[in-house]
Amino acid sequence: MEKITKAKLLRELLYYVVICGFLAVVNWVTSPGTWWVLWVLGGWGVILLLQLGEWLIGREEK
């Protein structure tokens, strides 16, 4: 498993914002009554929180 660095974490956050923003627009245009994009935001958000925790723990061990 590769080590989480600050740069990798920031890159992942940028991907999250850009892709989820795009998907939110697609969701709004195609089916505004059903917000399926919330599942993507939540699932991917949990993964980002886990990566953040791993990075913070790794910093404390140094």
C-alpha atoms as a PDB file:
ATOM      1  CA  MET A   1       0.000   0.000   0.000  1.00  0.00           C
ATOM      2  CA  GLU A   2       1.393   3.375  -0.928  1.00  0.00           C
ATOM      3  CA  LYS A   3       1.975   6.073   1.666  1.00  0.00           C
ATOM      4  CA  ILE A   4      -0.447   9.004   1.749  1.00  0.00           C
ATOM      5  CA  THR A   5       1.354  12.323   1.272  1.00  0.00           C
ATOM      6  CA  LYS A   6      -0.006  15.826   1.584  1.00  0.00           C
ATOM      7  CA  ALA A   7       0.286  16.326  -2.181  1.00  0.00           C
ATOM      8  CA  LYS A   8      -1.601  13.092  -2.900  1.00  0.00           C
ATOM      9  CA  LEU A   9      -4.326  14.017  -0.433  1.00  0.00           C
ATOM     10  CA  LEU A  10      -4.766  17.477  -1.969  1.00  0.00           C
ATOM     11  CA  ARG A  11      -4.850  15.974  -5.469  1.00  0.00           C
ATOM     12  CA  GLU A  12      -7.542  13.502  -4.386  1.00  0.00           C
ATOM     13  CA  LEU A  13      -9.554  16.366  -2.849  1.00  0.00           C
ATOM     14  CA  LEU A  14      -9.301  18.337  -6.089  1.00  0.00           C
ATOM     15  CA  TYR A  15     -10.525  15.314  -8.071  1.00  0.00           C
ATOM     16  CA  TYR A  16     -13.406  14.922  -5.612  1.00  0.00           C
ATOM     17  CA  VAL A  17     -14.521  18.550  -5.950  1.00  0.00           C
ATOM     18  CA  VAL A  18     -14.247  18.689  -9.748  1.00  0.00           C
ATOM     19  CA  ILE A  19     -15.842  15.316 -10.517  1.00  0.00           C
ATOM     20  CA  CYS A  20     -18.596  15.571  -7.910  1.00  0.00           C
ATOM     21  CA  GLY A  21     -19.344  19.116  -9.045  1.00  0.00           C
ATOM     22  CA  PHE A  22     -19.692  17.885 -12.612  1.00  0.00           C
ATOM     23  CA  LEU A  23     -21.894  14.989 -11.515  1.00  0.00           C
ATOM     24  CA  ALA A  24     -24.078  17.352  -9.466  1.00  0.00           C
ATOM     25  CA  VAL A  25     -24.664  19.475 -12.562  1.00  0.00           C
ATOM     26  CA  VAL A  26     -25.482  16.368 -14.627  1.00  0.00           C
ATOM     27  CA  ASN A  27     -27.857  15.194 -11.892  1.00  0.00           C
ATOM     28  CA  TRP A  28     -29.547  18.608 -11.692  1.00  0.00           C
ATOM     29  CA  VAL A  29     -30.022  18.788 -15.467  1.00  0.00           C
ATOM     30  CA  THR A  30     -31.181  15.212 -16.039  1.00  0.00           C
ATOM     31  CA  SER A  31     -33.190  14.329 -12.926  1.00  0.00           C
ATOM     32  CA  PRO A  32     -33.550  17.208 -10.433  1.00  0.00           C
ATOM     33  CA  GLY A  33     -36.157  15.334  -8.378  1.00  0.00           C
ATOM     34  CA  THR A  34     -33.810  12.443  -7.551  1.00  0.00           C
ATOM     35  CA  TRP A  35     -30.439  13.382  -6.080  1.00  0.00           C
ATOM     36  CA  TRP A  36     -28.436  10.210  -6.773  1.00  0.00           C
ATOM     37  CA  VAL A  37     -25.242  12.269  -6.674  1.00  0.00           C
ATOM     38  CA  LEU A  38     -25.499  12.278  -2.862  1.00  0.00           C
ATOM     39  CA  TRP A  39     -24.497   8.590  -2.862  1.00  0.00           C
ATOM     40  CA  VAL A  40     -21.336   9.457  -4.797  1.00  0.00           C
ATOM     41  CA  LEU A  41     -20.576  12.414  -2.516  1.00  0.00           C
ATOM     42  CA  GLY A  42     -21.065  10.318   0.601  1.00  0.00           C
ATOM     43  CA  GLY A  43     -19.193   7.219  -0.509  1.00  0.00           C
ATOM     44  CA  TRP A  44     -16.228   9.059  -1.922  1.00  0.00           C
ATOM     45  CA  GLY A  45     -16.282  11.457   1.044  1.00  0.00           C
ATOM     46  CA  VAL A  46     -15.889   8.543   3.475  1.00  0.00           C
ATOM     47  CA  ILE A  47     -12.874   7.320   1.510  1.00  0.00           C
ATOM     48  CA  LEU A  48     -11.323  10.799   1.639  1.00  0.00           C
ATOM     49  CA  LEU A  49     -11.899  10.996   5.401  1.00  0.00           C
ATOM     50  CA  LEU A  50     -10.177   7.637   5.847  1.00  0.00           C
ATOM     51  CA  GLN A  51      -7.214   8.846   3.783  1.00  0.00           C
ATOM     52  CA  LEU A  52      -7.077  12.045   5.838  1.00  0.00           C
ATOM     53  CA  GLY A  53      -7.027   9.992   9.028  1.00  0.00           C
ATOM     54  CA  GLU A  54      -4.249   7.798   7.675  1.00  0.00           C
ATOM     55  CA  TRP A  55      -2.219  10.884   6.731  1.00  0.00           C
ATOM     56  CA  LEU A  56      -2.745  12.503  10.153  1.00  0.00           C
ATOM     57  CA  ILE A  57      -1.735   9.311  11.977  1.00  0.00           C
ATOM     58  CA  GLY A  58       1.333   8.993   9.770  1.00  0.00           C
ATOM     59  CA  ARG A  59       2.379  12.536  10.669  1.00  0.00           C
ATOM     60  CA  GLU A  60       2.063  11.861  14.397  1.00  0.00           C
ATOM     61  CA  GLU A  61       4.294   8.778  14.180  1.00  0.00           C
ATOM     62  CA  LYS A  62       7.251  10.794  12.868  1.00  0.00           C
END
